[in-house]
């Protein structure tokens, strides 16, 4: 019997986290400063698009703040009952960002429809000027966060908030220009609807991706069925069951499996070969494998209640378990 646990974590993780905190902190300061000014101008101009942007910027600030807190908590080492530490706090943050976007999108659709029916007076010049300044501010904030580690779903959530706000300001500036040149006040409500649709799209994506991690689904780039078949194709492997692939947090996939090999073969050597395949082909550097010889009794004991699909090699079906494969066999 051979038990193996292979893992690898990127060097300089703490340095990367420190850099991310500085970048996110800079973006937070920009967002908060401009948000206050936008609320004042939005009320003065009677613009729903500006107030929508300001509310979105508030969620941007909350998203960045949550991201900063999550990065700090995720850096804590495992302790007590938290054997993975607090890495999934980042996913909680991402999911909170996604749900917030969805709720705000629903609210602004409602408000925009009301304003389409009964449009109030909108001061186009104020909306246009504020929209243009907002584009500049959000371009800089987007650039800052884009330099952070966006493989983290937590950071990606904050980035999506800022990116959507950038699009929102572009729509707002266009609406302000239309109102200024034509007096068409409904352009403001149309801009708010555009922003709401963008918020909806980003929110659905964040909730879906964070939900997959909470449900311990396999990373989208890995097909567990294909992986099981690939492992069974390794010389000497008779069966693979209890194969699980999941993500501890975004960008940290893990795998575990029970491997049965033909009698007379070196379990340790095959385990090392499997770990190498998982790491090199699938970037699964964190794997826990139990490798045993496939005797008849052991197959029945372990496979009666296997979790998920039981993968068997062609050799096992042809030659039977418990015997080493014949090197002369066409299936070898």
C-alpha atoms as a PDB file:
ATOM      1  CA  UNK A   1       0.000   0.000   0.000  1.00  0.00           C
ATOM      2  CA  UNK A   2       1.259   3.453  -0.826  1.00  0.00           C
ATOM      3  CA  UNK A   3      -0.168   6.720   0.389  1.00  0.00           C
ATOM      4  CA  UNK A   4       1.025   9.873  -1.256  1.00  0.00           C
ATOM      5  CA  UNK A   5       0.458  13.540  -0.840  1.00  0.00           C
ATOM      6  CA  UNK A   6       1.969  15.936  -3.301  1.00  0.00           C
ATOM      7  CA  UNK A   7       1.608  19.689  -3.219  1.00  0.00           C
ATOM      8  CA  UNK A   8       3.220  22.831  -4.403  1.00  0.00           C
ATOM      9  CA  UNK A   9       2.487  26.437  -3.584  1.00  0.00           C
ATOM     10  CA  UNK A  10       3.800  29.460  -5.428  1.00  0.00           C
ATOM     11  CA  UNK A  11       6.827  31.183  -3.912  1.00  0.00           C
ATOM     12  CA  UNK A  12       6.476  34.814  -3.087  1.00  0.00           C
ATOM     13  CA  UNK A  13       2.783  34.463  -2.225  1.00  0.00           C
ATOM     14  CA  UNK A  14       3.084  36.885   0.678  1.00  0.00           C
ATOM     15  CA  UNK A  15       4.887  39.438  -1.489  1.00  0.00           C
ATOM     16  CA  UNK A  16       2.138  39.121  -4.097  1.00  0.00           C
ATOM     17  CA  UNK A  17      -0.552  39.607  -1.435  1.00  0.00           C
ATOM     18  CA  UNK A  18       1.193  42.741  -0.141  1.00  0.00           C
ATOM     19  CA  UNK A  19       1.366  44.170  -3.671  1.00  0.00           C
ATOM     20  CA  UNK A  20      -2.316  43.360  -4.241  1.00  0.00           C
ATOM     21  CA  UNK A  21      -3.264  45.157  -1.021  1.00  0.00           C
ATOM     22  CA  UNK A  22      -1.426  48.311  -2.127  1.00  0.00           C
ATOM     23  CA  UNK A  23      -3.045  48.272  -5.568  1.00  0.00           C
ATOM     24  CA  UNK A  24      -6.503  47.683  -4.152  1.00  0.00           C
ATOM     25  CA  UNK A  25      -5.952  50.358  -1.490  1.00  0.00           C
ATOM     26  CA  UNK A  26      -5.063  52.921  -4.159  1.00  0.00           C
ATOM     27  CA  UNK A  27      -8.177  52.055  -6.157  1.00  0.00           C
ATOM     28  CA  UNK A  28     -10.320  52.294  -2.998  1.00  0.00           C
ATOM     29  CA  UNK A  29      -9.095  55.819  -2.235  1.00  0.00           C
ATOM     30  CA  UNK A  30      -9.924  56.945  -5.798  1.00  0.00           C
ATOM     31  CA  UNK A  31     -13.385  55.395  -5.751  1.00  0.00           C
ATOM     32  CA  UNK A  32     -14.401  56.825  -2.369  1.00  0.00           C
ATOM     33  CA  UNK A  33     -13.241  60.344  -3.240  1.00  0.00           C
ATOM     34  CA  UNK A  34     -15.097  60.479  -6.528  1.00  0.00           C
ATOM     35  CA  UNK A  35     -18.221  58.760  -5.170  1.00  0.00           C
ATOM     36  CA  UNK A  36     -18.896  61.591  -2.706  1.00  0.00           C
ATOM     37  CA  UNK A  37     -18.585  64.194  -5.472  1.00  0.00           C
ATOM     38  CA  UNK A  38     -20.835  62.198  -7.794  1.00  0.00           C
ATOM     39  CA  UNK A  39     -23.662  61.919  -5.267  1.00  0.00           C
ATOM     40  CA  UNK A  40     -23.674  65.710  -4.850  1.00  0.00           C
ATOM     41  CA  UNK A  41     -23.646  66.345  -8.604  1.00  0.00           C
ATOM     42  CA  UNK A  42     -26.204  63.596  -9.296  1.00  0.00           C
ATOM     43  CA  UNK A  43     -28.733  65.128  -6.911  1.00  0.00           C
ATOM     44  CA  UNK A  44     -28.094  68.609  -8.315  1.00  0.00           C
ATOM     45  CA  UNK A  45     -28.483  67.415 -11.913  1.00  0.00           C
ATOM     46  CA  UNK A  46     -31.514  65.213 -11.240  1.00  0.00           C
ATOM     47  CA  UNK A  47     -29.718  62.335 -13.001  1.00  0.00           C
ATOM     48  CA  UNK A  48     -30.612  58.712 -12.248  1.00  0.00           C
ATOM     49  CA  UNK A  49     -27.615  57.605 -14.318  1.00  0.00           C
ATOM     50  CA  UNK A  50     -25.245  59.540 -12.033  1.00  0.00           C
ATOM     51  CA  UNK A  51     -26.941  58.305  -8.862  1.00  0.00           C
ATOM     52  CA  UNK A  52     -26.843  54.778 -10.301  1.00  0.00           C
ATOM     53  CA  UNK A  53     -23.123  55.210 -10.920  1.00  0.00           C
ATOM     54  CA  UNK A  54     -22.610  56.545  -7.399  1.00  0.00           C
ATOM     55  CA  UNK A  55     -24.437  53.567  -5.885  1.00  0.00           C
ATOM     56  CA  UNK A  56     -22.374  51.275  -8.079  1.00  0.00           C
ATOM     57  CA  UNK A  57     -19.227  53.022  -6.862  1.00  0.00           C
ATOM     58  CA  UNK A  58     -20.359  52.377  -3.286  1.00  0.00           C
ATOM     59  CA  UNK A  59     -20.551  48.676  -4.095  1.00  0.00           C
ATOM     60  CA  UNK A  60     -17.131  49.038  -5.757  1.00  0.00           C
ATOM     61  CA  UNK A  61     -15.734  50.423  -2.508  1.00  0.00           C
ATOM     62  CA  UNK A  62     -17.381  47.645  -0.476  1.00  0.00           C
ATOM     63  CA  UNK A  63     -16.092  45.044  -2.951  1.00  0.00           C
ATOM     64  CA  UNK A  64     -12.537  46.352  -2.670  1.00  0.00           C
ATOM     65  CA  UNK A  65     -12.792  46.558   1.127  1.00  0.00           C
ATOM     66  CA  UNK A  66     -14.052  42.962   1.281  1.00  0.00           C
ATOM     67  CA  UNK A  67     -11.235  41.918  -1.032  1.00  0.00           C
ATOM     68  CA  UNK A  68      -8.656  43.567   1.246  1.00  0.00           C
ATOM     69  CA  UNK A  69     -10.107  41.864   4.333  1.00  0.00           C
ATOM     70  CA  UNK A  70     -10.271  38.520   2.515  1.00  0.00           C
ATOM     71  CA  UNK A  71      -6.643  38.758   1.372  1.00  0.00           C
ATOM     72  CA  UNK A  72      -5.539  39.376   4.967  1.00  0.00           C
ATOM     73  CA  UNK A  73      -7.630  36.518   6.357  1.00  0.00           C
ATOM     74  CA  UNK A  74      -6.584  34.117   3.581  1.00  0.00           C
ATOM     75  CA  UNK A  75      -2.934  34.714   4.504  1.00  0.00           C
ATOM     76  CA  UNK A  76      -3.480  33.245   7.976  1.00  0.00           C
ATOM     77  CA  UNK A  77      -2.006  29.742   8.405  1.00  0.00           C
ATOM     78  CA  UNK A  78      -4.285  26.734   9.059  1.00  0.00           C
ATOM     79  CA  UNK A  79      -5.163  26.342  12.738  1.00  0.00           C
ATOM     80  CA  UNK A  80      -7.554  24.313  14.856  1.00  0.00           C
ATOM     81  CA  UNK A  81     -10.540  23.036  12.912  1.00  0.00           C
ATOM     82  CA  UNK A  82      -9.759  25.268   9.900  1.00  0.00           C
ATOM     83  CA  UNK A  83      -7.441  22.813   8.168  1.00  0.00           C
ATOM     84  CA  UNK A  84      -7.372  24.894   4.968  1.00  0.00           C
ATOM     85  CA  UNK A  85      -7.017  28.132   6.904  1.00  0.00           C
ATOM     86  CA  UNK A  86      -9.311  30.931   5.722  1.00  0.00           C
ATOM     87  CA  UNK A  87      -8.665  30.657   2.011  1.00  0.00           C
ATOM     88  CA  UNK A  88     -12.354  30.428   1.144  1.00  0.00           C
ATOM     89  CA  UNK A  89     -13.055  33.790   2.737  1.00  0.00           C
ATOM     90  CA  UNK A  90     -11.971  35.105  -0.670  1.00  0.00           C
ATOM     91  CA  UNK A  91     -14.766  33.116  -2.295  1.00  0.00           C
ATOM     92  CA  UNK A  92     -17.276  34.418   0.239  1.00  0.00           C
ATOM     93  CA  UNK A  93     -16.172  37.920  -0.744  1.00  0.00           C
ATOM     94  CA  UNK A  94     -16.584  37.136  -4.448  1.00  0.00           C
ATOM     95  CA  UNK A  95     -20.053  35.715  -3.886  1.00  0.00           C
ATOM     96  CA  UNK A  96     -21.096  38.740  -1.822  1.00  0.00           C
ATOM     97  CA  UNK A  97     -19.909  40.982  -4.673  1.00  0.00           C
ATOM     98  CA  UNK A  98     -21.916  38.983  -7.192  1.00  0.00           C
ATOM     99  CA  UNK A  99     -25.125  39.004  -5.141  1.00  0.00           C
ATOM    100  CA  UNK A 100     -24.778  42.754  -4.536  1.00  0.00           C
ATOM    101  CA  UNK A 101     -24.476  43.361  -8.282  1.00  0.00           C
ATOM    102  CA  UNK A 102     -27.600  41.295  -8.964  1.00  0.00           C
ATOM    103  CA  UNK A 103     -29.680  43.123  -6.340  1.00  0.00           C
ATOM    104  CA  UNK A 104     -28.570  46.544  -7.547  1.00  0.00           C
ATOM    105  CA  UNK A 105     -29.242  45.580 -11.157  1.00  0.00           C
ATOM    106  CA  UNK A 106     -32.823  44.632 -10.283  1.00  0.00           C
ATOM    107  CA  UNK A 107     -33.366  47.913  -8.417  1.00  0.00           C
ATOM    108  CA  UNK A 108     -31.985  50.107 -11.182  1.00  0.00           C
ATOM    109  CA  UNK A 109     -34.013  48.321 -13.859  1.00  0.00           C
ATOM    110  CA  UNK A 110     -37.115  49.169 -11.829  1.00  0.00           C
ATOM    111  CA  UNK A 111     -36.087  52.820 -11.403  1.00  0.00           C
ATOM    112  CA  UNK A 112     -35.066  53.204 -15.042  1.00  0.00           C
ATOM    113  CA  UNK A 113     -38.376  51.827 -16.305  1.00  0.00           C
ATOM    114  CA  UNK A 114     -40.228  54.321 -14.096  1.00  0.00           C
ATOM    115  CA  UNK A 115     -38.144  57.166 -15.531  1.00  0.00           C
ATOM    116  CA  UNK A 116     -38.741  55.963 -19.061  1.00  0.00           C
ATOM    117  CA  UNK A 117     -42.474  56.293 -18.398  1.00  0.00           C
ATOM    118  CA  UNK A 118     -42.245  59.636 -16.606  1.00  0.00           C
ATOM    119  CA  UNK A 119     -38.853  61.263 -17.321  1.00  0.00           C
ATOM    120  CA  UNK A 120     -37.807  64.064 -14.947  1.00  0.00           C
ATOM    121  CA  UNK A 121     -35.754  67.073 -16.000  1.00  0.00           C
ATOM    122  CA  UNK A 122     -32.065  66.205 -16.371  1.00  0.00           C
ATOM    123  CA  UNK A 123     -29.193  68.724 -16.540  1.00  0.00           C
ATOM    124  CA  UNK A 124     -27.208  67.280 -19.438  1.00  0.00           C
ATOM    125  CA  UNK A 125     -24.082  69.443 -18.984  1.00  0.00           C
ATOM    126  CA  UNK A 126     -23.511  68.297 -15.392  1.00  0.00           C
ATOM    127  CA  UNK A 127     -24.113  64.675 -16.356  1.00  0.00           C
ATOM    128  CA  UNK A 128     -21.664  64.915 -19.293  1.00  0.00           C
ATOM    129  CA  UNK A 129     -18.873  66.561 -17.272  1.00  0.00           C
ATOM    130  CA  UNK A 130     -19.240  64.135 -14.365  1.00  0.00           C
ATOM    131  CA  UNK A 131     -19.351  61.186 -16.742  1.00  0.00           C
ATOM    132  CA  UNK A 132     -16.117  62.214 -18.458  1.00  0.00           C
ATOM    133  CA  UNK A 133     -14.324  62.735 -15.118  1.00  0.00           C
ATOM    134  CA  UNK A 134     -15.693  59.365 -13.964  1.00  0.00           C
ATOM    135  CA  UNK A 135     -14.242  57.672 -17.030  1.00  0.00           C
ATOM    136  CA  UNK A 136     -10.778  59.027 -16.188  1.00  0.00           C
ATOM    137  CA  UNK A 137     -11.029  58.023 -12.514  1.00  0.00           C
ATOM    138  CA  UNK A 138     -12.271  54.528 -13.323  1.00  0.00           C
ATOM    139  CA  UNK A 139      -9.679  54.008 -16.040  1.00  0.00           C
ATOM    140  CA  UNK A 140      -6.968  54.620 -13.456  1.00  0.00           C
ATOM    141  CA  UNK A 141      -8.703  52.420 -10.845  1.00  0.00           C
ATOM    142  CA  UNK A 142      -9.199  49.651 -13.421  1.00  0.00           C
ATOM    143  CA  UNK A 143      -5.535  49.856 -14.398  1.00  0.00           C
ATOM    144  CA  UNK A 144      -4.478  49.549 -10.747  1.00  0.00           C
ATOM    145  CA  UNK A 145      -6.583  46.457 -10.065  1.00  0.00           C
ATOM    146  CA  UNK A 146      -5.667  44.855 -13.399  1.00  0.00           C
ATOM    147  CA  UNK A 147      -2.071  44.717 -12.127  1.00  0.00           C
ATOM    148  CA  UNK A 148      -3.171  42.654  -9.112  1.00  0.00           C
ATOM    149  CA  UNK A 149      -3.524  38.865  -9.132  1.00  0.00           C
ATOM    150  CA  UNK A 150      -6.775  38.401 -11.059  1.00  0.00           C
ATOM    151  CA  UNK A 151      -6.525  34.594 -10.908  1.00  0.00           C
ATOM    152  CA  UNK A 152      -8.034  35.148  -7.459  1.00  0.00           C
ATOM    153  CA  UNK A 153     -11.824  35.160  -7.804  1.00  0.00           C
ATOM    154  CA  UNK A 154     -11.856  37.644  -4.943  1.00  0.00           C
ATOM    155  CA  UNK A 155      -9.701  40.178  -6.806  1.00  0.00           C
ATOM    156  CA  UNK A 156     -11.556  39.401 -10.039  1.00  0.00           C
ATOM    157  CA  UNK A 157     -14.808  40.286  -8.268  1.00  0.00           C
ATOM    158  CA  UNK A 158     -13.466  43.702  -7.305  1.00  0.00           C
ATOM    159  CA  UNK A 159     -12.098  44.157 -10.838  1.00  0.00           C
ATOM    160  CA  UNK A 160     -15.486  43.354 -12.389  1.00  0.00           C
ATOM    161  CA  UNK A 161     -17.120  45.973 -10.167  1.00  0.00           C
ATOM    162  CA  UNK A 162     -14.667  48.656 -11.314  1.00  0.00           C
ATOM    163  CA  UNK A 163     -14.791  47.587 -14.963  1.00  0.00           C
ATOM    164  CA  UNK A 164     -18.587  47.725 -14.960  1.00  0.00           C
ATOM    165  CA  UNK A 165     -18.407  51.170 -13.408  1.00  0.00           C
ATOM    166  CA  UNK A 166     -16.119  52.292 -16.225  1.00  0.00           C
ATOM    167  CA  UNK A 167     -18.685  51.138 -18.784  1.00  0.00           C
ATOM    168  CA  UNK A 168     -21.372  52.845 -16.722  1.00  0.00           C
ATOM    169  CA  UNK A 169     -19.568  56.186 -16.905  1.00  0.00           C
ATOM    170  CA  UNK A 170     -19.147  55.846 -20.650  1.00  0.00           C
ATOM    171  CA  UNK A 171     -22.912  55.271 -20.954  1.00  0.00           C
ATOM    172  CA  UNK A 172     -23.568  58.171 -18.581  1.00  0.00           C
ATOM    173  CA  UNK A 173     -21.347  60.563 -20.552  1.00  0.00           C
ATOM    174  CA  UNK A 174     -23.114  59.596 -23.778  1.00  0.00           C
ATOM    175  CA  UNK A 175     -26.497  60.107 -22.088  1.00  0.00           C
ATOM    176  CA  UNK A 176     -25.407  63.529 -20.814  1.00  0.00           C
ATOM    177  CA  UNK A 177     -24.302  64.533 -24.311  1.00  0.00           C
ATOM    178  CA  UNK A 178     -27.609  63.383 -25.824  1.00  0.00           C
ATOM    179  CA  UNK A 179     -29.628  65.287 -23.202  1.00  0.00           C
ATOM    180  CA  UNK A 180     -27.479  68.400 -23.699  1.00  0.00           C
ATOM    181  CA  UNK A 181     -27.759  68.396 -27.501  1.00  0.00           C
ATOM    182  CA  UNK A 182     -31.313  67.144 -28.004  1.00  0.00           C
ATOM    183  CA  UNK A 183     -33.142  67.524 -24.681  1.00  0.00           C
ATOM    184  CA  UNK A 184     -34.101  63.821 -24.819  1.00  0.00           C
ATOM    185  CA  UNK A 185     -34.308  63.181 -21.026  1.00  0.00           C
ATOM    186  CA  UNK A 186     -35.052  59.475 -21.432  1.00  0.00           C
ATOM    187  CA  UNK A 187     -31.425  58.980 -22.531  1.00  0.00           C
ATOM    188  CA  UNK A 188     -30.503  59.151 -18.834  1.00  0.00           C
ATOM    189  CA  UNK A 189     -32.821  56.233 -17.995  1.00  0.00           C
ATOM    190  CA  UNK A 190     -31.556  54.272 -21.012  1.00  0.00           C
ATOM    191  CA  UNK A 191     -27.983  54.693 -19.746  1.00  0.00           C
ATOM    192  CA  UNK A 192     -29.095  53.392 -16.333  1.00  0.00           C
ATOM    193  CA  UNK A 193     -30.599  50.320 -18.046  1.00  0.00           C
ATOM    194  CA  UNK A 194     -27.337  49.669 -19.886  1.00  0.00           C
ATOM    195  CA  UNK A 195     -25.450  49.805 -16.593  1.00  0.00           C
ATOM    196  CA  UNK A 196     -27.981  47.447 -14.977  1.00  0.00           C
ATOM    197  CA  UNK A 197     -27.525  44.874 -17.752  1.00  0.00           C
ATOM    198  CA  UNK A 198     -23.735  44.997 -17.336  1.00  0.00           C
ATOM    199  CA  UNK A 199     -24.120  44.582 -13.569  1.00  0.00           C
ATOM    200  CA  UNK A 200     -26.430  41.605 -14.138  1.00  0.00           C
ATOM    201  CA  UNK A 201     -23.923  39.893 -16.442  1.00  0.00           C
ATOM    202  CA  UNK A 202     -20.997  40.352 -14.040  1.00  0.00           C
ATOM    203  CA  UNK A 203     -23.100  39.344 -11.019  1.00  0.00           C
ATOM    204  CA  UNK A 204     -24.273  36.084 -12.607  1.00  0.00           C
ATOM    205  CA  UNK A 205     -20.681  35.190 -13.526  1.00  0.00           C
ATOM    206  CA  UNK A 206     -19.362  35.800 -10.003  1.00  0.00           C
ATOM    207  CA  UNK A 207     -22.194  33.923  -8.267  1.00  0.00           C
ATOM    208  CA  UNK A 208     -21.816  30.983 -10.676  1.00  0.00           C
ATOM    209  CA  UNK A 209     -18.038  30.707 -10.325  1.00  0.00           C
ATOM    210  CA  UNK A 210     -18.003  31.102  -6.537  1.00  0.00           C
ATOM    211  CA  UNK A 211     -20.908  28.643  -6.262  1.00  0.00           C
ATOM    212  CA  UNK A 212     -18.909  26.004  -8.139  1.00  0.00           C
ATOM    213  CA  UNK A 213     -16.098  26.321  -5.617  1.00  0.00           C
ATOM    214  CA  UNK A 214     -18.468  26.093  -2.630  1.00  0.00           C
ATOM    215  CA  UNK A 215     -20.066  22.979  -4.164  1.00  0.00           C
ATOM    216  CA  UNK A 216     -16.548  21.572  -4.725  1.00  0.00           C
ATOM    217  CA  UNK A 217     -17.158  21.109  -8.439  1.00  0.00           C
ATOM    218  CA  UNK A 218     -14.182  20.320 -10.621  1.00  0.00           C
ATOM    219  CA  UNK A 219     -12.406  23.289 -12.240  1.00  0.00           C
ATOM    220  CA  UNK A 220     -13.963  24.024 -15.620  1.00  0.00           C
ATOM    221  CA  UNK A 221     -10.697  23.128 -17.380  1.00  0.00           C
ATOM    222  CA  UNK A 222     -10.705  19.564 -15.983  1.00  0.00           C
ATOM    223  CA  UNK A 223     -13.125  16.772 -16.941  1.00  0.00           C
ATOM    224  CA  UNK A 224     -13.075  14.176 -14.107  1.00  0.00           C
ATOM    225  CA  UNK A 225     -14.417  11.441 -16.407  1.00  0.00           C
ATOM    226  CA  UNK A 226     -11.641  12.019 -18.935  1.00  0.00           C
ATOM    227  CA  UNK A 227      -9.088  12.266 -16.118  1.00  0.00           C
ATOM    228  CA  UNK A 228     -10.202   8.913 -14.676  1.00  0.00           C
ATOM    229  CA  UNK A 229      -9.821   7.269 -18.086  1.00  0.00           C
ATOM    230  CA  UNK A 230      -6.412   8.885 -18.504  1.00  0.00           C
ATOM    231  CA  UNK A 231      -5.206   7.516 -15.167  1.00  0.00           C
ATOM    232  CA  UNK A 232      -6.483   4.029 -16.057  1.00  0.00           C
ATOM    233  CA  UNK A 233      -4.395   4.159 -19.242  1.00  0.00           C
ATOM    234  CA  UNK A 234      -1.194   4.256 -17.156  1.00  0.00           C
ATOM    235  CA  UNK A 235       0.684   0.928 -17.279  1.00  0.00           C
ATOM    236  CA  UNK A 236      -0.176  -1.216 -14.265  1.00  0.00           C
ATOM    237  CA  UNK A 237      -3.258   0.709 -13.165  1.00  0.00           C
ATOM    238  CA  UNK A 238      -6.272  -1.596 -12.892  1.00  0.00           C
ATOM    239  CA  UNK A 239      -8.882   0.696 -11.410  1.00  0.00           C
ATOM    240  CA  UNK A 240      -9.483   4.263 -10.233  1.00  0.00           C
ATOM    241  CA  UNK A 241     -12.353   5.153  -7.925  1.00  0.00           C
ATOM    242  CA  UNK A 242     -13.227   7.804  -5.331  1.00  0.00           C
ATOM    243  CA  UNK A 243     -11.702  10.303  -7.767  1.00  0.00           C
ATOM    244  CA  UNK A 244     -12.385  13.859  -6.620  1.00  0.00           C
ATOM    245  CA  UNK A 245     -11.201  17.118  -8.175  1.00  0.00           C
ATOM    246  CA  UNK A 246     -12.101  20.453  -6.602  1.00  0.00           C
ATOM    247  CA  UNK A 247     -10.752  23.916  -5.817  1.00  0.00           C
ATOM    248  CA  UNK A 248      -9.725  24.892  -2.290  1.00  0.00           C
ATOM    249  CA  UNK A 249      -9.984  28.497  -3.433  1.00  0.00           C
ATOM    250  CA  UNK A 250      -9.668  30.119  -6.841  1.00  0.00           C
ATOM    251  CA  UNK A 251      -6.455  29.056  -8.529  1.00  0.00           C
ATOM    252  CA  UNK A 252      -5.742  26.229  -6.020  1.00  0.00           C
ATOM    253  CA  UNK A 253      -7.100  22.975  -7.479  1.00  0.00           C
ATOM    254  CA  UNK A 254      -6.732  19.705  -5.582  1.00  0.00           C
ATOM    255  CA  UNK A 255      -7.359  16.026  -6.291  1.00  0.00           C
ATOM    256  CA  UNK A 256      -7.703  12.753  -4.414  1.00  0.00           C
ATOM    257  CA  UNK A 257      -8.247   9.188  -5.586  1.00  0.00           C
ATOM    258  CA  UNK A 258      -7.972   5.515  -4.689  1.00  0.00           C
ATOM    259  CA  UNK A 259      -5.838   3.675  -7.247  1.00  0.00           C
ATOM    260  CA  UNK A 260      -5.679  -0.112  -7.614  1.00  0.00           C
ATOM    261  CA  UNK A 261      -2.675  -1.573  -9.430  1.00  0.00           C
ATOM    262  CA  UNK A 262      -1.773  -5.066 -10.587  1.00  0.00           C
ATOM    263  CA  UNK A 263      -0.149  -7.392  -8.053  1.00  0.00           C
ATOM    264  CA  UNK A 264       3.610  -7.529  -8.138  1.00  0.00           C
ATOM    265  CA  UNK A 265       4.052  -3.918  -9.225  1.00  0.00           C
ATOM    266  CA  UNK A 266       5.622  -1.113  -7.187  1.00  0.00           C
ATOM    267  CA  UNK A 267       2.788   1.005  -5.714  1.00  0.00           C
ATOM    268  CA  UNK A 268       5.143   3.829  -4.781  1.00  0.00           C
ATOM    269  CA  UNK A 269       6.609   4.088  -8.285  1.00  0.00           C
ATOM    270  CA  UNK A 270       3.167   4.211  -9.911  1.00  0.00           C
ATOM    271  CA  UNK A 271       1.978   6.822  -7.413  1.00  0.00           C
ATOM    272  CA  UNK A 272       4.928   9.067  -8.274  1.00  0.00           C
ATOM    273  CA  UNK A 273       4.137   8.637 -11.978  1.00  0.00           C
ATOM    274  CA  UNK A 274       0.479   9.586 -11.412  1.00  0.00           C
ATOM    275  CA  UNK A 275       1.427  12.632  -9.334  1.00  0.00           C
ATOM    276  CA  UNK A 276       3.718  13.772 -12.138  1.00  0.00           C
ATOM    277  CA  UNK A 277       0.945  13.390 -14.709  1.00  0.00           C
ATOM    278  CA  UNK A 278      -1.525  15.331 -12.543  1.00  0.00           C
ATOM    279  CA  UNK A 279       0.957  18.149 -12.012  1.00  0.00           C
ATOM    280  CA  UNK A 280       2.365  18.399 -15.530  1.00  0.00           C
ATOM    281  CA  UNK A 281      -0.783  17.942 -17.629  1.00  0.00           C
ATOM    282  CA  UNK A 282      -3.482  19.306 -15.337  1.00  0.00           C
ATOM    283  CA  UNK A 283      -1.661  21.643 -12.910  1.00  0.00           C
ATOM    284  CA  UNK A 284      -2.939  19.531 -10.001  1.00  0.00           C
ATOM    285  CA  UNK A 285       0.069  19.989  -7.737  1.00  0.00           C
ATOM    286  CA  UNK A 286      -1.963  19.318  -4.585  1.00  0.00           C
ATOM    287  CA  UNK A 287      -2.963  15.634  -4.737  1.00  0.00           C
ATOM    288  CA  UNK A 288      -3.672  12.906  -2.181  1.00  0.00           C
ATOM    289  CA  UNK A 289      -3.550   9.357  -3.542  1.00  0.00           C
ATOM    290  CA  UNK A 290      -4.060   5.951  -1.955  1.00  0.00           C
ATOM    291  CA  UNK A 291      -2.481   3.226  -4.079  1.00  0.00           C
ATOM    292  CA  UNK A 292      -3.125  -0.476  -3.326  1.00  0.00           C
ATOM    293  CA  UNK A 293      -2.722  -3.806  -5.086  1.00  0.00           C
ATOM    294  CA  UNK A 294      -5.889  -4.994  -6.803  1.00  0.00           C
ATOM    295  CA  UNK A 295      -6.674  -8.317  -5.168  1.00  0.00           C
ATOM    296  CA  UNK A 296     -10.117  -9.759  -5.713  1.00  0.00           C
ATOM    297  CA  UNK A 297     -11.208  -9.161  -2.113  1.00  0.00           C
ATOM    298  CA  UNK A 298      -9.941  -5.590  -2.111  1.00  0.00           C
ATOM    299  CA  UNK A 299     -11.823  -4.733  -5.297  1.00  0.00           C
ATOM    300  CA  UNK A 300     -15.131  -5.859  -3.831  1.00  0.00           C
ATOM    301  CA  UNK A 301     -14.479  -4.156  -0.495  1.00  0.00           C
ATOM    302  CA  UNK A 302     -13.599  -0.790  -1.946  1.00  0.00           C
ATOM    303  CA  UNK A 303     -15.881  -0.564  -4.962  1.00  0.00           C
ATOM    304  CA  UNK A 304     -19.235  -1.433  -3.428  1.00  0.00           C
ATOM    305  CA  UNK A 305     -19.771   2.134  -2.187  1.00  0.00           C
ATOM    306  CA  UNK A 306     -17.344   4.159  -4.298  1.00  0.00           C
ATOM    307  CA  UNK A 307     -18.112   7.874  -4.544  1.00  0.00           C
ATOM    308  CA  UNK A 308     -18.693   8.630  -8.192  1.00  0.00           C
ATOM    309  CA  UNK A 309     -17.707   6.723 -11.303  1.00  0.00           C
ATOM    310  CA  UNK A 310     -15.513   3.620 -11.046  1.00  0.00           C
ATOM    311  CA  UNK A 311     -12.924   3.697 -13.833  1.00  0.00           C
ATOM    312  CA  UNK A 312     -11.431   0.377 -14.949  1.00  0.00           C
ATOM    313  CA  UNK A 313      -8.655  -0.161 -17.440  1.00  0.00           C
ATOM    314  CA  UNK A 314      -9.093  -2.238 -20.588  1.00  0.00           C
ATOM    315  CA  UNK A 315      -6.406  -4.579 -19.260  1.00  0.00           C
ATOM    316  CA  UNK A 316      -8.465  -5.223 -16.123  1.00  0.00           C
ATOM    317  CA  UNK A 317     -11.479  -6.209 -18.200  1.00  0.00           C
ATOM    318  CA  UNK A 318      -9.430  -8.496 -20.436  1.00  0.00           C
ATOM    319  CA  UNK A 319      -6.977 -10.110 -18.017  1.00  0.00           C
ATOM    320  CA  UNK A 320      -8.835  -9.701 -14.710  1.00  0.00           C
ATOM    321  CA  UNK A 321      -7.703  -7.867 -11.591  1.00  0.00           C
ATOM    322  CA  UNK A 322      -4.817  -8.985  -9.484  1.00  0.00           C
ATOM    323  CA  UNK A 323      -2.550 -10.029 -12.353  1.00  0.00           C
ATOM    324  CA  UNK A 324       0.169  -7.883 -13.863  1.00  0.00           C
ATOM    325  CA  UNK A 325      -0.508  -6.991 -17.518  1.00  0.00           C
ATOM    326  CA  UNK A 326       1.136  -9.100 -20.166  1.00  0.00           C
ATOM    327  CA  UNK A 327       3.759  -6.958 -21.971  1.00  0.00           C
ATOM    328  CA  UNK A 328       2.922  -8.823 -25.179  1.00  0.00           C
ATOM    329  CA  UNK A 329      -0.781  -7.984 -24.933  1.00  0.00           C
ATOM    330  CA  UNK A 330      -2.074  -5.650 -27.694  1.00  0.00           C
ATOM    331  CA  UNK A 331      -3.781  -3.594 -24.991  1.00  0.00           C
ATOM    332  CA  UNK A 332      -0.560  -2.985 -23.100  1.00  0.00           C
END
